[in-house]
Amino acid sequence: MGWALLAAVTLDGVPENLALGVSLVEGASVSLLVAIFASNLPEALVGAVAMRGEGRGARTVMGTWIACAVLLALAVVFGRGLAGGLDDSVLAVALGFAGGAVLASLADTLMPEAYEHGRPWNAFATAAGFFLSFILAA
């Protein structure tokens, strides 16, 4: 599960961070930065714990997640420097890919385990989270 979470954080993080870099050009980045941090930190923590549980060494786990963080930071810089001039449709495709990666990660890795351990409370929390996201976006 740890490697699946790493893949999920990377696959959805790169397009998200490109978008963050582009939003730095437009000046409206604080809310996006908070949202990206709030969504990726728990995934990274769970992924690191899962990797340790699989028998990986602490240095290997830390090195892997630090490399992921560096890659995502570079995506912000790339988005700021080079993607600012891209058409909105290109950014929309990148964000659509990021959203799909998040949904695939949730459906394949997180939701089955969450249901196994939390049963109906996790379903309620998921629905409440989507509702809150909808309200905040409106």
N, C-alpha and C. Protein backbone atom coordinates (compact mmCIF):
# COMPACT_ATOMS: atom_id res chain seq x y z
N MET A 1 0.81 -1.19 0.00
CA MET A 1 0.00 0.00 0.00
C MET A 1 0.86 1.26 0.00
N GLY A 2 2.04 1.22 0.61
CA GLY A 2 2.90 2.40 0.66
C GLY A 2 3.32 2.89 -0.71
N TRP A 3 3.69 1.94 -1.58
CA TRP A 3 4.11 2.33 -2.93
C TRP A 3 2.94 2.85 -3.74
N ALA A 4 1.74 2.29 -3.51
CA ALA A 4 0.55 2.78 -4.21
C ALA A 4 0.25 4.22 -3.80
N LEU A 5 0.41 4.52 -2.53
CA LEU A 5 0.19 5.90 -2.08
C LEU A 5 1.25 6.85 -2.62
N LEU A 6 2.48 6.39 -2.72
CA LEU A 6 3.53 7.21 -3.31
C LEU A 6 3.18 7.52 -4.77
N ALA A 7 2.74 6.51 -5.49
CA ALA A 7 2.35 6.72 -6.89
C ALA A 7 1.18 7.71 -6.97
N ALA A 8 0.22 7.56 -6.07
CA ALA A 8 -0.94 8.46 -6.08
C ALA A 8 -0.53 9.89 -5.78
N VAL A 9 0.30 10.08 -4.77
CA VAL A 9 0.75 11.43 -4.41
C VAL A 9 1.51 12.05 -5.58
N THR A 10 2.32 11.26 -6.25
CA THR A 10 3.11 11.78 -7.37
C THR A 10 2.23 12.06 -8.58
N LEU A 11 1.36 11.12 -8.94
CA LEU A 11 0.54 11.28 -10.13
C LEU A 11 -0.47 12.43 -10.01
N ASP A 12 -1.00 12.63 -8.82
CA ASP A 12 -1.92 13.76 -8.71
C ASP A 12 -1.18 15.01 -8.26
N GLY A 13 -0.03 14.86 -7.63
CA GLY A 13 0.71 16.01 -7.14
C GLY A 13 1.39 16.83 -8.21
N VAL A 14 1.92 16.18 -9.23
CA VAL A 14 2.62 16.92 -10.28
C VAL A 14 1.66 17.87 -11.00
N PRO A 15 0.50 17.41 -11.51
CA PRO A 15 -0.41 18.38 -12.14
C PRO A 15 -0.93 19.43 -11.15
N GLU A 16 -1.21 19.03 -9.91
CA GLU A 16 -1.66 20.01 -8.91
C GLU A 16 -0.61 21.08 -8.69
N ASN A 17 0.63 20.68 -8.55
CA ASN A 17 1.68 21.64 -8.29
C ASN A 17 2.01 22.49 -9.51
N LEU A 18 1.83 21.93 -10.70
CA LEU A 18 1.93 22.77 -11.90
C LEU A 18 0.87 23.87 -11.84
N ALA A 19 -0.34 23.48 -11.45
CA ALA A 19 -1.43 24.47 -11.33
C ALA A 19 -1.10 25.49 -10.26
N LEU A 20 -0.49 25.05 -9.16
CA LEU A 20 -0.09 25.98 -8.11
C LEU A 20 0.93 26.98 -8.66
N GLY A 21 1.89 26.50 -9.43
CA GLY A 21 2.87 27.39 -10.04
C GLY A 21 2.22 28.40 -10.97
N VAL A 22 1.26 27.95 -11.76
CA VAL A 22 0.53 28.86 -12.65
C VAL A 22 -0.25 29.88 -11.83
N SER A 23 -0.85 29.42 -10.72
CA SER A 23 -1.64 30.35 -9.90
C SER A 23 -0.75 31.39 -9.22
N LEU A 24 0.53 31.07 -9.04
CA LEU A 24 1.44 32.08 -8.50
C LEU A 24 1.57 33.25 -9.45
N VAL A 25 1.47 32.97 -10.75
CA VAL A 25 1.51 34.02 -11.76
C VAL A 25 0.28 34.91 -11.61
N GLU A 26 -0.86 34.29 -11.33
CA GLU A 26 -2.12 35.02 -11.24
C GLU A 26 -2.34 35.62 -9.86
N GLY A 27 -1.54 35.25 -8.87
CA GLY A 27 -1.62 35.83 -7.55
C GLY A 27 -2.64 35.21 -6.60
N ALA A 28 -3.34 34.16 -6.99
CA ALA A 28 -4.36 33.55 -6.13
C ALA A 28 -3.95 32.15 -5.72
N SER A 29 -2.87 32.04 -4.95
CA SER A 29 -2.32 30.72 -4.70
C SER A 29 -2.45 30.22 -3.27
N VAL A 30 -2.79 31.05 -2.31
CA VAL A 30 -2.78 30.62 -0.92
C VAL A 30 -3.80 29.50 -0.67
N SER A 31 -5.01 29.65 -1.18
CA SER A 31 -6.02 28.62 -0.95
C SER A 31 -5.64 27.31 -1.64
N LEU A 32 -5.08 27.40 -2.83
CA LEU A 32 -4.64 26.18 -3.53
C LEU A 32 -3.48 25.53 -2.80
N LEU A 33 -2.56 26.32 -2.29
CA LEU A 33 -1.43 25.78 -1.53
C LEU A 33 -1.93 25.04 -0.28
N VAL A 34 -2.87 25.63 0.44
CA VAL A 34 -3.41 24.98 1.64
C VAL A 34 -4.13 23.69 1.27
N ALA A 35 -4.91 23.71 0.20
CA ALA A 35 -5.64 22.52 -0.22
C ALA A 35 -4.70 21.39 -0.63
N ILE A 36 -3.66 21.71 -1.36
CA ILE A 36 -2.70 20.69 -1.78
C ILE A 36 -1.98 20.11 -0.58
N PHE A 37 -1.54 20.97 0.33
CA PHE A 37 -0.85 20.50 1.53
C PHE A 37 -1.77 19.62 2.36
N ALA A 38 -3.01 20.06 2.56
CA ALA A 38 -3.95 19.32 3.40
C ALA A 38 -4.31 17.97 2.79
N SER A 39 -4.29 17.85 1.48
CA SER A 39 -4.64 16.58 0.87
C SER A 39 -3.45 15.63 0.76
N ASN A 40 -2.26 16.15 0.57
CA ASN A 40 -1.09 15.29 0.36
C ASN A 40 -0.40 14.85 1.65
N LEU A 41 -0.43 15.67 2.68
CA LEU A 41 0.27 15.31 3.92
C LEU A 41 -0.26 14.01 4.53
N PRO A 42 -1.57 13.83 4.71
CA PRO A 42 -2.04 12.56 5.28
C PRO A 42 -1.68 11.35 4.41
N GLU A 43 -1.78 11.51 3.09
CA GLU A 43 -1.41 10.41 2.19
C GLU A 43 0.06 10.05 2.37
N ALA A 44 0.90 11.07 2.47
CA ALA A 44 2.34 10.82 2.63
C ALA A 44 2.63 10.14 3.97
N LEU A 45 1.98 10.58 5.02
CA LEU A 45 2.19 9.97 6.33
C LEU A 45 1.76 8.51 6.35
N VAL A 46 0.58 8.25 5.81
CA VAL A 46 0.09 6.87 5.76
C VAL A 46 0.99 6.02 4.87
N GLY A 47 1.42 6.58 3.74
CA GLY A 47 2.31 5.85 2.85
C GLY A 47 3.63 5.52 3.50
N ALA A 48 4.19 6.46 4.25
CA ALA A 48 5.46 6.21 4.94
C ALA A 48 5.30 5.14 6.01
N VAL A 49 4.21 5.19 6.77
CA VAL A 49 3.97 4.16 7.79
C VAL A 49 3.78 2.80 7.13
N ALA A 50 3.06 2.77 6.01
CA ALA A 50 2.85 1.50 5.30
C ALA A 50 4.17 0.93 4.78
N MET A 51 5.03 1.79 4.26
CA MET A 51 6.34 1.33 3.78
C MET A 51 7.17 0.76 4.91
N ARG A 52 7.13 1.43 6.06
CA ARG A 52 7.86 0.90 7.23
C ARG A 52 7.28 -0.45 7.64
N GLY A 53 5.96 -0.57 7.58
CA GLY A 53 5.30 -1.82 7.92
C GLY A 53 5.64 -2.94 6.96
N GLU A 54 5.98 -2.60 5.72
CA GLU A 54 6.38 -3.59 4.72
C GLU A 54 7.83 -4.01 4.91
N GLY A 55 8.52 -3.41 5.88
CA GLY A 55 9.89 -3.80 6.16
C GLY A 55 10.95 -2.91 5.54
N ARG A 56 10.57 -1.80 4.95
CA ARG A 56 11.55 -0.88 4.38
C ARG A 56 12.26 -0.13 5.51
N GLY A 57 13.51 0.18 5.28
CA GLY A 57 14.28 0.91 6.28
C GLY A 57 13.85 2.37 6.37
N ALA A 58 14.10 2.97 7.52
CA ALA A 58 13.71 4.37 7.73
C ALA A 58 14.38 5.30 6.73
N ARG A 59 15.65 5.06 6.45
CA ARG A 59 16.37 5.91 5.48
C ARG A 59 15.77 5.79 4.08
N THR A 60 15.42 4.57 3.69
CA THR A 60 14.82 4.36 2.37
C THR A 60 13.48 5.08 2.27
N VAL A 61 12.66 4.93 3.31
CA VAL A 61 11.34 5.57 3.31
C VAL A 61 11.48 7.09 3.28
N MET A 62 12.32 7.63 4.15
CA MET A 62 12.51 9.08 4.18
C MET A 62 13.08 9.59 2.86
N GLY A 63 14.07 8.88 2.32
CA GLY A 63 14.66 9.29 1.05
C GLY A 63 13.65 9.28 -0.08
N THR A 64 12.79 8.27 -0.09
CA THR A 64 11.78 8.16 -1.14
C THR A 64 10.79 9.32 -1.07
N TRP A 65 10.31 9.61 0.13
CA TRP A 65 9.33 10.70 0.28
C TRP A 65 9.97 12.07 0.10
N ILE A 66 11.22 12.21 0.48
CA ILE A 66 11.91 13.49 0.23
C ILE A 66 12.10 13.70 -1.27
N ALA A 67 12.44 12.63 -1.99
CA ALA A 67 12.57 12.73 -3.45
C ALA A 67 11.23 13.13 -4.08
N CYS A 68 10.15 12.57 -3.57
CA CYS A 68 8.81 12.93 -4.05
C CYS A 68 8.54 14.41 -3.79
N ALA A 69 8.88 14.88 -2.59
CA ALA A 69 8.66 16.29 -2.24
C ALA A 69 9.47 17.21 -3.15
N VAL A 70 10.71 16.83 -3.45
CA VAL A 70 11.55 17.63 -4.34
C VAL A 70 10.94 17.68 -5.74
N LEU A 71 10.47 16.54 -6.23
CA LEU A 71 9.82 16.50 -7.53
C LEU A 71 8.60 17.42 -7.57
N LEU A 72 7.80 17.39 -6.51
CA LEU A 72 6.60 18.23 -6.47
C LEU A 72 6.97 19.71 -6.36
N ALA A 73 8.04 20.02 -5.63
CA ALA A 73 8.50 21.42 -5.56
C ALA A 73 8.99 21.90 -6.92
N LEU A 74 9.67 21.02 -7.63
CA LEU A 74 10.12 21.37 -8.99
C LEU A 74 8.93 21.60 -9.92
N ALA A 75 7.85 20.85 -9.71
CA ALA A 75 6.65 21.06 -10.52
C ALA A 75 6.07 22.45 -10.29
N VAL A 76 6.13 22.94 -9.05
CA VAL A 76 5.66 24.30 -8.77
C VAL A 76 6.53 25.32 -9.51
N VAL A 77 7.84 25.13 -9.43
CA VAL A 77 8.76 26.05 -10.10
C VAL A 77 8.54 26.00 -11.61
N PHE A 78 8.40 24.79 -12.16
CA PHE A 78 8.15 24.64 -13.59
C PHE A 78 6.83 25.32 -13.98
N GLY A 79 5.80 25.10 -13.17
CA GLY A 79 4.51 25.73 -13.45
C GLY A 79 4.60 27.23 -13.41
N ARG A 80 5.38 27.75 -12.47
CA ARG A 80 5.54 29.21 -12.36
C ARG A 80 6.31 29.77 -13.54
N GLY A 81 7.38 29.08 -13.91
CA GLY A 81 8.26 29.61 -14.94
C GLY A 81 7.82 29.36 -16.37
N LEU A 82 7.34 28.17 -16.62
CA LEU A 82 7.08 27.80 -18.01
C LEU A 82 5.61 27.60 -18.36
N ALA A 83 4.82 27.15 -17.41
CA ALA A 83 3.43 26.82 -17.73
C ALA A 83 2.50 28.02 -17.63
N GLY A 84 3.01 29.15 -17.15
CA GLY A 84 2.17 30.34 -17.01
C GLY A 84 1.60 30.81 -18.33
N GLY A 85 2.29 30.56 -19.42
CA GLY A 85 1.82 30.99 -20.73
C GLY A 85 0.95 29.97 -21.45
N LEU A 86 0.70 28.83 -20.80
CA LEU A 86 -0.10 27.79 -21.45
C LEU A 86 -1.57 28.18 -21.48
N ASP A 87 -2.26 27.62 -22.42
CA ASP A 87 -3.69 27.83 -22.56
C ASP A 87 -4.44 27.21 -21.38
N ASP A 88 -5.58 27.76 -21.01
CA ASP A 88 -6.38 27.24 -19.89
C ASP A 88 -6.81 25.79 -20.12
N SER A 89 -7.01 25.40 -21.37
CA SER A 89 -7.44 24.03 -21.64
C SER A 89 -6.35 23.02 -21.29
N VAL A 90 -5.09 23.39 -21.45
CA VAL A 90 -3.99 22.50 -21.07
C VAL A 90 -3.96 22.33 -19.56
N LEU A 91 -4.16 23.43 -18.84
CA LEU A 91 -4.22 23.36 -17.39
C LEU A 91 -5.41 22.52 -16.93
N ALA A 92 -6.53 22.66 -17.61
CA ALA A 92 -7.73 21.88 -17.26
C ALA A 92 -7.48 20.39 -17.45
N VAL A 93 -6.78 20.00 -18.50
CA VAL A 93 -6.46 18.59 -18.72
C VAL A 93 -5.54 18.07 -17.61
N ALA A 94 -4.55 18.87 -17.23
CA ALA A 94 -3.64 18.46 -16.16
C ALA A 94 -4.39 18.29 -14.84
N LEU A 95 -5.29 19.20 -14.53
CA LEU A 95 -6.06 19.09 -13.30
C LEU A 95 -7.05 17.93 -13.36
N GLY A 96 -7.60 17.66 -14.54
CA GLY A 96 -8.47 16.49 -14.71
C GLY A 96 -7.70 15.20 -14.47
N PHE A 97 -6.48 15.13 -14.97
CA PHE A 97 -5.63 13.96 -14.72
C PHE A 97 -5.36 13.82 -13.23
N ALA A 98 -5.06 14.93 -12.57
CA ALA A 98 -4.81 14.90 -11.12
C ALA A 98 -6.04 14.41 -10.37
N GLY A 99 -7.21 14.89 -10.74
CA GLY A 99 -8.44 14.44 -10.09
C GLY A 99 -8.68 12.96 -10.30
N GLY A 100 -8.41 12.47 -11.50
CA GLY A 100 -8.56 11.04 -11.78
C GLY A 100 -7.59 10.20 -10.96
N ALA A 101 -6.37 10.70 -10.80
CA ALA A 101 -5.39 9.97 -9.99
C ALA A 101 -5.83 9.90 -8.53
N VAL A 102 -6.41 10.99 -8.03
CA VAL A 102 -6.90 10.99 -6.66
C VAL A 102 -8.03 9.97 -6.51
N LEU A 103 -8.98 9.98 -7.44
CA LEU A 103 -10.11 9.03 -7.35
C LEU A 103 -9.63 7.59 -7.47
N ALA A 104 -8.68 7.32 -8.35
CA ALA A 104 -8.15 5.96 -8.48
C ALA A 104 -7.47 5.52 -7.20
N SER A 105 -6.70 6.41 -6.60
CA SER A 105 -6.04 6.10 -5.34
C SER A 105 -7.05 5.82 -4.24
N LEU A 106 -8.06 6.65 -4.15
CA LEU A 106 -9.09 6.46 -3.13
C LEU A 106 -9.81 5.13 -3.32
N ALA A 107 -10.23 4.86 -4.54
CA ALA A 107 -11.02 3.66 -4.80
C ALA A 107 -10.21 2.38 -4.63
N ASP A 108 -8.94 2.42 -5.01
CA ASP A 108 -8.13 1.21 -4.99
C ASP A 108 -7.46 0.93 -3.66
N THR A 109 -7.02 1.97 -2.98
CA THR A 109 -6.18 1.77 -1.81
C THR A 109 -6.84 2.21 -0.51
N LEU A 110 -7.29 3.44 -0.47
CA LEU A 110 -7.72 4.01 0.80
C LEU A 110 -9.12 3.58 1.23
N MET A 111 -10.09 3.62 0.32
CA MET A 111 -11.47 3.31 0.71
C MET A 111 -11.66 1.88 1.20
N PRO A 112 -11.10 0.88 0.53
CA PRO A 112 -11.29 -0.49 1.06
C PRO A 112 -10.73 -0.65 2.48
N GLU A 113 -9.55 -0.11 2.72
CA GLU A 113 -8.97 -0.23 4.06
C GLU A 113 -9.75 0.60 5.08
N ALA A 114 -10.17 1.78 4.69
CA ALA A 114 -10.94 2.62 5.60
C ALA A 114 -12.26 1.95 5.95
N TYR A 115 -12.91 1.32 4.98
CA TYR A 115 -14.17 0.65 5.25
C TYR A 115 -13.96 -0.54 6.19
N GLU A 116 -12.86 -1.25 5.97
CA GLU A 116 -12.56 -2.41 6.81
C GLU A 116 -12.39 -2.02 8.28
N HIS A 117 -11.78 -0.85 8.51
CA HIS A 117 -11.49 -0.44 9.88
C HIS A 117 -12.55 0.47 10.49
N GLY A 118 -13.28 1.23 9.67
CA GLY A 118 -14.18 2.22 10.24
C GLY A 118 -15.64 2.03 9.90
N ARG A 119 -15.92 1.20 8.94
CA ARG A 119 -17.28 0.90 8.50
C ARG A 119 -18.08 2.16 8.20
N PRO A 120 -19.28 2.31 8.73
CA PRO A 120 -20.15 3.40 8.27
C PRO A 120 -19.63 4.80 8.58
N TRP A 121 -18.82 4.96 9.61
CA TRP A 121 -18.33 6.30 9.93
C TRP A 121 -17.46 6.86 8.81
N ASN A 122 -16.69 6.02 8.16
CA ASN A 122 -15.86 6.49 7.06
C ASN A 122 -16.69 6.89 5.85
N ALA A 123 -17.76 6.15 5.61
CA ALA A 123 -18.66 6.52 4.50
C ALA A 123 -19.29 7.88 4.79
N PHE A 124 -19.72 8.10 6.02
CA PHE A 124 -20.31 9.39 6.40
C PHE A 124 -19.28 10.51 6.27
N ALA A 125 -18.06 10.28 6.74
CA ALA A 125 -17.01 11.29 6.66
C ALA A 125 -16.68 11.63 5.21
N THR A 126 -16.66 10.63 4.34
CA THR A 126 -16.40 10.86 2.92
C THR A 126 -17.48 11.73 2.30
N ALA A 127 -18.74 11.37 2.57
CA ALA A 127 -19.85 12.16 2.03
C ALA A 127 -19.82 13.59 2.58
N ALA A 128 -19.52 13.74 3.86
CA ALA A 128 -19.45 15.07 4.47
C ALA A 128 -18.31 15.89 3.86
N GLY A 129 -17.19 15.24 3.58
CA GLY A 129 -16.07 15.92 2.96
C GLY A 129 -16.39 16.41 1.56
N PHE A 130 -17.05 15.57 0.76
CA PHE A 130 -17.45 16.01 -0.58
C PHE A 130 -18.46 17.15 -0.49
N PHE A 131 -19.38 17.08 0.45
CA PHE A 131 -20.37 18.15 0.62
C PHE A 131 -19.68 19.46 1.01
N LEU A 132 -18.75 19.39 1.96
CA LEU A 132 -18.03 20.58 2.38
C LEU A 132 -17.23 21.18 1.22
N SER A 133 -16.59 20.32 0.44
CA SER A 133 -15.84 20.80 -0.74
C SER A 133 -16.76 21.50 -1.72
N PHE A 134 -17.93 20.95 -1.92
CA PHE A 134 -18.91 21.55 -2.83
C PHE A 134 -19.33 22.94 -2.32
N ILE A 135 -19.61 23.03 -1.02
CA ILE A 135 -20.03 24.30 -0.43
C ILE A 135 -18.92 25.35 -0.54
N LEU A 136 -17.69 24.93 -0.25
CA LEU A 136 -16.56 25.88 -0.32
C LEU A 136 -16.28 26.34 -1.74
N ALA A 137 -16.53 25.48 -2.71
CA ALA A 137 -16.27 25.83 -4.11
C ALA A 137 -17.36 26.71 -4.71
N ALA A 138 -18.52 26.73 -4.09
CA ALA A 138 -19.65 27.50 -4.65
C ALA A 138 -19.52 28.98 -4.44
